Amino acid sequence: MDLQLIPVHQFQIFLICTARVAGFIGAIPVYLGSQTPARIKVGLVFAISLVLFPVLSPALPEISFNPISFLLFTINETLLGLMLGLISRLIFTTVEFGGTIIGYQMGFAAANVFDPQNENQVPLISQFQNVFAILIFLALDGHHIFIKTAAKSYQLLPPGNLNLSGEAIPYLMELTSRMFSLGVQFSAPVLAVLLLSGLILGVLARVFPQLNVFLLSFPLNIGISFVVIALTLDMVTSLLRREFDAMGERIITILQYL
């Protein structure tokens, strides 16, 4: 293919598509971290941009090819894609937050494993909850929601029209606070059972002073926590399904505020 035959305007549009898609796709947990080769990440962004390009090209305005302004324009699109993607990333952060609370309460404060996505040490239960959320995300075709929303974002907010209005920031703060509340919902069953276990052990310590409650509490709390986690997986799945179904609508809402 002779690159000289490609109109400059079309090449600009393709780069703009690639910039926003790169930021958007970068938030999908499956493709985060060093465990995913860079070639796969780049290839995925390129493939999605190539699919969106014929549809978006006629609708997008012509952009000046001034190198500096075009560079700033591309950076702006990348940051917009990252912001939209991070809205969806909040769900996974919430799951990790709930898992961290459970891990500390059940006695796994020092039981950390390496998280290849964030490239740091995280609590064992937090990592389990995160992997479980990723599996639910893929089972519900959440990655398809990402692609559909990425395409629709160009209709709702064409390149160059980013403007943080007074409604956008409060909405983002509302989403963040909601995620903290959701994290407590994820961990509430285990926390409630552990609280009840602590009360029972306290009563036993008063009735049987010779009983080593401190030594007994560790295996008991761990065993009870695992049982409750297994019994509440269906509830967690329902919560995740609800949040993933609302994910696309939230991204569209923030686009309407921008």
Protein backbone atom coordinates (compact mmCIF):
# COMPACT_ATOMS: atom_id res chain seq x y z
CA MET A 1 0.00 0.00 0.00
CA ASP A 2 1.31 3.43 -0.94
CA LEU A 3 0.96 5.64 2.13
CA GLN A 4 1.06 8.72 -0.09
CA LEU A 5 -2.36 7.73 -1.44
CA ILE A 6 -3.93 8.01 2.04
CA PRO A 7 -5.45 11.50 2.55
CA VAL A 8 -3.92 13.39 5.45
CA HIS A 9 -7.36 14.07 6.89
CA GLN A 10 -8.18 10.34 6.98
CA PHE A 11 -4.88 9.58 8.67
CA GLN A 12 -5.61 12.25 11.28
CA ILE A 13 -9.01 10.74 12.01
CA PHE A 14 -7.48 7.30 12.41
CA LEU A 15 -4.90 8.61 14.90
CA ILE A 16 -7.66 10.32 16.87
CA CYS A 17 -9.69 7.11 16.96
CA THR A 18 -6.62 5.24 18.12
CA ALA A 19 -5.88 7.80 20.87
CA ARG A 20 -9.31 7.60 22.50
CA VAL A 21 -9.61 3.84 22.07
CA ALA A 22 -6.15 3.33 23.59
CA GLY A 23 -7.17 5.21 26.72
CA PHE A 24 -10.52 3.46 26.85
CA ILE A 25 -9.24 -0.09 26.40
CA GLY A 26 -6.40 0.55 28.83
CA ALA A 27 -8.87 0.32 31.70
CA ILE A 28 -10.03 -3.23 30.94
CA PRO A 29 -8.46 -5.37 33.70
CA VAL A 30 -7.86 -8.31 31.36
CA TYR A 31 -5.37 -6.26 29.35
CA LEU A 32 -3.74 -4.38 32.22
CA GLY A 33 -0.35 -5.12 33.73
CA SER A 34 2.83 -6.68 32.49
CA GLN A 35 1.30 -10.16 32.09
CA THR A 36 -0.26 -9.07 28.78
CA PRO A 37 2.34 -8.61 26.02
CA ALA A 38 2.56 -5.11 24.57
CA ARG A 39 1.99 -6.50 21.07
CA ILE A 40 -1.42 -7.81 22.10
CA LYS A 41 -2.39 -4.47 23.65
CA VAL A 42 -1.27 -2.49 20.61
CA GLY A 43 -2.86 -4.99 18.22
CA LEU A 44 -6.20 -4.81 20.04
CA VAL A 45 -6.25 -1.01 20.00
CA PHE A 46 -5.29 -0.97 16.32
CA ALA A 47 -7.96 -3.55 15.41
CA ILE A 48 -10.77 -1.73 17.23
CA SER A 49 -9.71 1.62 15.75
CA LEU A 50 -9.66 0.05 12.30
CA VAL A 51 -13.24 -1.21 12.79
CA LEU A 52 -14.52 2.14 14.11
CA PHE A 53 -12.67 4.24 11.54
CA PRO A 54 -15.00 3.75 8.51
CA VAL A 55 -18.05 4.55 10.64
CA LEU A 56 -16.62 7.60 12.41
CA SER A 57 -14.66 9.14 9.57
CA PRO A 58 -17.59 10.88 7.78
CA ALA A 59 -19.00 12.29 11.01
CA LEU A 60 -15.82 13.82 12.42
CA PRO A 61 -14.70 17.36 11.55
CA GLU A 62 -11.52 18.15 9.69
CA ILE A 63 -8.64 19.04 11.98
CA SER A 64 -5.71 21.29 11.34
CA PHE A 65 -2.48 19.37 10.86
CA ASN A 66 -0.44 21.88 12.83
CA PRO A 67 1.97 19.53 14.64
CA ILE A 68 1.69 21.17 18.06
CA SER A 69 -2.09 21.60 18.05
CA PHE A 70 -2.59 18.11 16.67
CA LEU A 71 -0.34 16.65 19.40
CA LEU A 72 -2.34 18.45 22.08
CA PHE A 73 -5.53 17.28 20.43
CA THR A 74 -4.35 13.66 20.50
CA ILE A 75 -3.28 13.91 24.15
CA ASN A 76 -6.69 15.36 24.99
CA GLU A 77 -8.41 12.39 23.34
CA THR A 78 -6.19 9.91 25.17
CA LEU A 79 -6.95 11.50 28.53
CA LEU A 80 -10.66 11.47 27.73
CA GLY A 81 -10.48 7.77 26.92
CA LEU A 82 -8.64 7.10 30.18
CA MET A 83 -11.22 9.03 32.18
CA LEU A 84 -14.10 7.10 30.62
CA GLY A 85 -12.30 3.80 31.11
CA LEU A 86 -11.48 4.54 34.74
CA ILE A 87 -15.19 5.00 35.45
CA SER A 88 -15.60 1.33 34.61
CA ARG A 89 -12.42 0.46 36.48
CA LEU A 90 -14.10 1.74 39.66
CA ILE A 91 -16.17 -1.45 39.80
CA PHE A 92 -13.07 -3.64 40.00
CA THR A 93 -11.46 -1.30 42.52
CA THR A 94 -14.59 -1.65 44.64
CA VAL A 95 -14.36 -5.45 44.55
CA GLU A 96 -10.69 -5.28 45.58
CA PHE A 97 -11.61 -2.87 48.40
CA GLY A 98 -14.24 -5.27 49.72
CA GLY A 99 -11.81 -8.18 49.49
CA THR A 100 -9.19 -6.20 51.40
CA ILE A 101 -11.64 -5.54 54.24
CA ILE A 102 -12.56 -9.22 54.42
CA GLY A 103 -8.91 -10.31 54.35
CA TYR A 104 -7.90 -8.09 57.24
CA GLN A 105 -10.89 -9.07 59.37
CA MET A 106 -10.48 -12.82 58.88
CA GLY A 107 -6.78 -12.74 59.82
CA PHE A 108 -5.14 -12.62 56.40
CA ALA A 109 -3.53 -9.23 56.93
CA ALA A 110 -0.07 -10.64 56.16
CA ALA A 111 -1.20 -13.12 53.49
CA ASN A 112 -0.40 -11.13 50.37
CA VAL A 113 0.09 -12.29 46.80
CA PHE A 114 1.53 -10.55 43.76
CA ASP A 115 -1.04 -8.79 41.60
CA PRO A 116 0.23 -8.83 37.98
CA GLN A 117 -2.24 -6.11 36.95
CA ASN A 118 -1.12 -3.46 39.44
CA GLU A 119 2.33 -5.01 39.90
CA ASN A 120 2.26 -4.89 43.69
CA GLN A 121 1.36 -7.01 46.70
CA VAL A 122 -2.35 -7.30 47.51
CA PRO A 123 -4.31 -9.32 50.10
CA LEU A 124 -5.15 -12.87 49.06
CA ILE A 125 -8.93 -12.42 49.31
CA SER A 126 -8.74 -9.15 47.37
CA GLN A 127 -6.97 -10.93 44.52
CA PHE A 128 -9.54 -13.74 44.55
CA GLN A 129 -12.43 -11.27 44.42
CA ASN A 130 -10.78 -9.36 41.59
CA VAL A 131 -10.24 -12.49 39.48
CA PHE A 132 -13.83 -13.55 40.15
CA ALA A 133 -15.08 -10.12 39.01
CA ILE A 134 -13.02 -10.39 35.81
CA LEU A 135 -14.55 -13.79 35.05
CA ILE A 136 -18.06 -12.39 35.56
CA PHE A 137 -17.12 -9.40 33.40
CA LEU A 138 -16.09 -11.65 30.53
CA ALA A 139 -19.05 -14.01 31.00
CA LEU A 140 -21.45 -11.05 30.69
CA ASP A 141 -19.65 -9.77 27.56
CA GLY A 142 -18.55 -6.67 29.43
CA HIS A 143 -15.75 -6.15 26.92
CA HIS A 144 -18.43 -5.79 24.23
CA ILE A 145 -19.98 -2.99 26.28
CA PHE A 146 -16.61 -1.24 26.22
CA ILE A 147 -16.41 -1.39 22.44
CA LYS A 148 -20.01 -0.28 21.90
CA THR A 149 -19.60 2.60 24.34
CA ALA A 150 -16.33 3.64 22.72
CA ALA A 151 -18.11 3.89 19.36
CA LYS A 152 -21.05 5.78 20.83
CA SER A 153 -18.74 8.22 22.63
CA TYR A 154 -17.79 9.79 19.29
CA GLN A 155 -21.44 10.55 18.57
CA LEU A 156 -22.11 12.07 21.98
CA LEU A 157 -18.79 13.87 22.30
CA PRO A 158 -16.93 14.49 19.03
CA PRO A 159 -13.18 15.14 19.28
CA GLY A 160 -12.31 18.63 20.43
CA ASN A 161 -15.55 19.24 22.36
CA LEU A 162 -14.36 18.20 25.82
CA ASN A 163 -15.63 20.64 28.44
CA LEU A 164 -15.86 19.80 32.12
CA SER A 165 -19.23 21.26 33.11
CA GLY A 166 -20.53 21.86 36.61
CA GLU A 167 -22.53 18.62 36.48
CA ALA A 168 -19.67 16.32 35.48
CA ILE A 169 -17.55 16.65 38.63
CA PRO A 170 -20.43 16.11 41.11
CA TYR A 171 -21.49 13.05 39.11
CA LEU A 172 -17.97 11.60 39.29
CA MET A 173 -17.91 12.23 43.05
CA GLU A 174 -21.29 10.51 43.36
CA LEU A 175 -19.97 7.46 41.49
CA THR A 176 -16.91 7.31 43.72
CA SER A 177 -18.96 7.46 46.92
CA ARG A 178 -21.32 4.81 45.53
CA MET A 179 -18.37 2.50 44.91
CA PHE A 180 -17.30 2.75 48.56
CA SER A 181 -20.84 1.86 49.61
CA LEU A 182 -20.82 -1.09 47.21
CA GLY A 183 -17.51 -2.30 48.64
CA VAL A 184 -19.10 -2.46 52.08
CA GLN A 185 -22.01 -4.45 50.60
CA PHE A 186 -19.55 -6.99 49.18
CA SER A 187 -17.90 -7.50 52.56
CA ALA A 188 -20.96 -7.09 54.82
CA PRO A 189 -21.98 -10.79 55.09
CA VAL A 190 -18.50 -11.89 56.16
CA LEU A 191 -18.11 -8.95 58.55
CA ALA A 192 -21.47 -9.70 60.17
CA VAL A 193 -20.62 -13.37 60.70
CA LEU A 194 -17.17 -12.51 62.07
CA LEU A 195 -18.75 -10.03 64.48
CA LEU A 196 -21.14 -12.73 65.69
CA SER A 197 -18.23 -15.15 65.99
CA GLY A 198 -16.33 -12.63 68.10
CA LEU A 199 -19.30 -12.18 70.43
CA ILE A 200 -19.68 -15.94 70.87
CA LEU A 201 -15.97 -16.38 71.57
CA GLY A 202 -16.16 -13.55 74.10
CA VAL A 203 -18.97 -15.30 75.94
CA LEU A 204 -17.04 -18.58 75.87
CA ALA A 205 -13.99 -16.83 77.30
CA ARG A 206 -16.05 -15.66 80.27
CA VAL A 207 -17.75 -19.00 80.81
CA PHE A 208 -14.58 -21.09 80.32
CA PRO A 209 -11.60 -18.96 81.45
CA GLN A 210 -9.21 -21.84 80.80
CA LEU A 211 -10.15 -21.85 77.09
CA ASN A 212 -7.50 -20.24 74.86
CA VAL A 213 -9.91 -18.12 72.81
CA PHE A 214 -7.14 -16.17 71.09
CA LEU A 215 -5.59 -19.33 69.64
CA LEU A 216 -8.99 -20.76 68.72
CA SER A 217 -10.19 -17.61 66.95
CA PHE A 218 -7.67 -17.76 64.08
CA PRO A 219 -8.67 -21.07 62.44
CA LEU A 220 -12.32 -20.52 63.35
CA ASN A 221 -12.54 -17.09 61.72
CA ILE A 222 -10.68 -18.24 58.63
CA GLY A 223 -12.88 -21.32 58.21
CA ILE A 224 -16.12 -19.40 58.78
CA SER A 225 -15.06 -16.66 56.39
CA PHE A 226 -14.34 -19.10 53.57
CA VAL A 227 -17.73 -20.77 54.09
CA VAL A 228 -19.55 -17.42 54.01
CA ILE A 229 -17.61 -16.30 50.93
CA ALA A 230 -18.63 -19.50 49.13
CA LEU A 231 -22.27 -19.14 50.19
CA THR A 232 -22.46 -15.49 49.10
CA LEU A 233 -20.88 -15.88 45.66
CA ASP A 234 -24.35 -15.89 44.12
CA MET A 235 -25.15 -12.57 45.82
CA VAL A 236 -21.84 -11.09 44.69
CA THR A 237 -22.55 -12.27 41.14
CA SER A 238 -25.93 -10.51 41.20
CA LEU A 239 -24.34 -7.28 42.43
CA LEU A 240 -21.64 -7.46 39.76
CA ARG A 241 -24.20 -8.18 37.06
CA ARG A 242 -26.17 -5.11 38.10
CA GLU A 243 -23.10 -2.89 38.13
CA PHE A 244 -21.77 -4.15 34.79
CA ASP A 245 -25.20 -3.68 33.19
CA ALA A 246 -25.21 -0.06 34.41
CA MET A 247 -21.61 0.55 33.36
CA GLY A 248 -22.40 1.64 29.80
CA GLU A 249 -25.20 3.94 30.96
CA ARG A 250 -22.89 5.68 33.43
CA ILE A 251 -20.27 6.31 30.78
CA ILE A 252 -22.92 7.72 28.44
CA THR A 253 -24.22 9.94 31.26
CA ILE A 254 -20.79 11.42 31.92
CA LEU A 255 -20.35 11.99 28.18
CA GLN A 256 -23.56 14.01 28.16
CA TYR A 257 -22.21 16.15 31.00
CA LEU A 258 -18.89 16.85 29.23
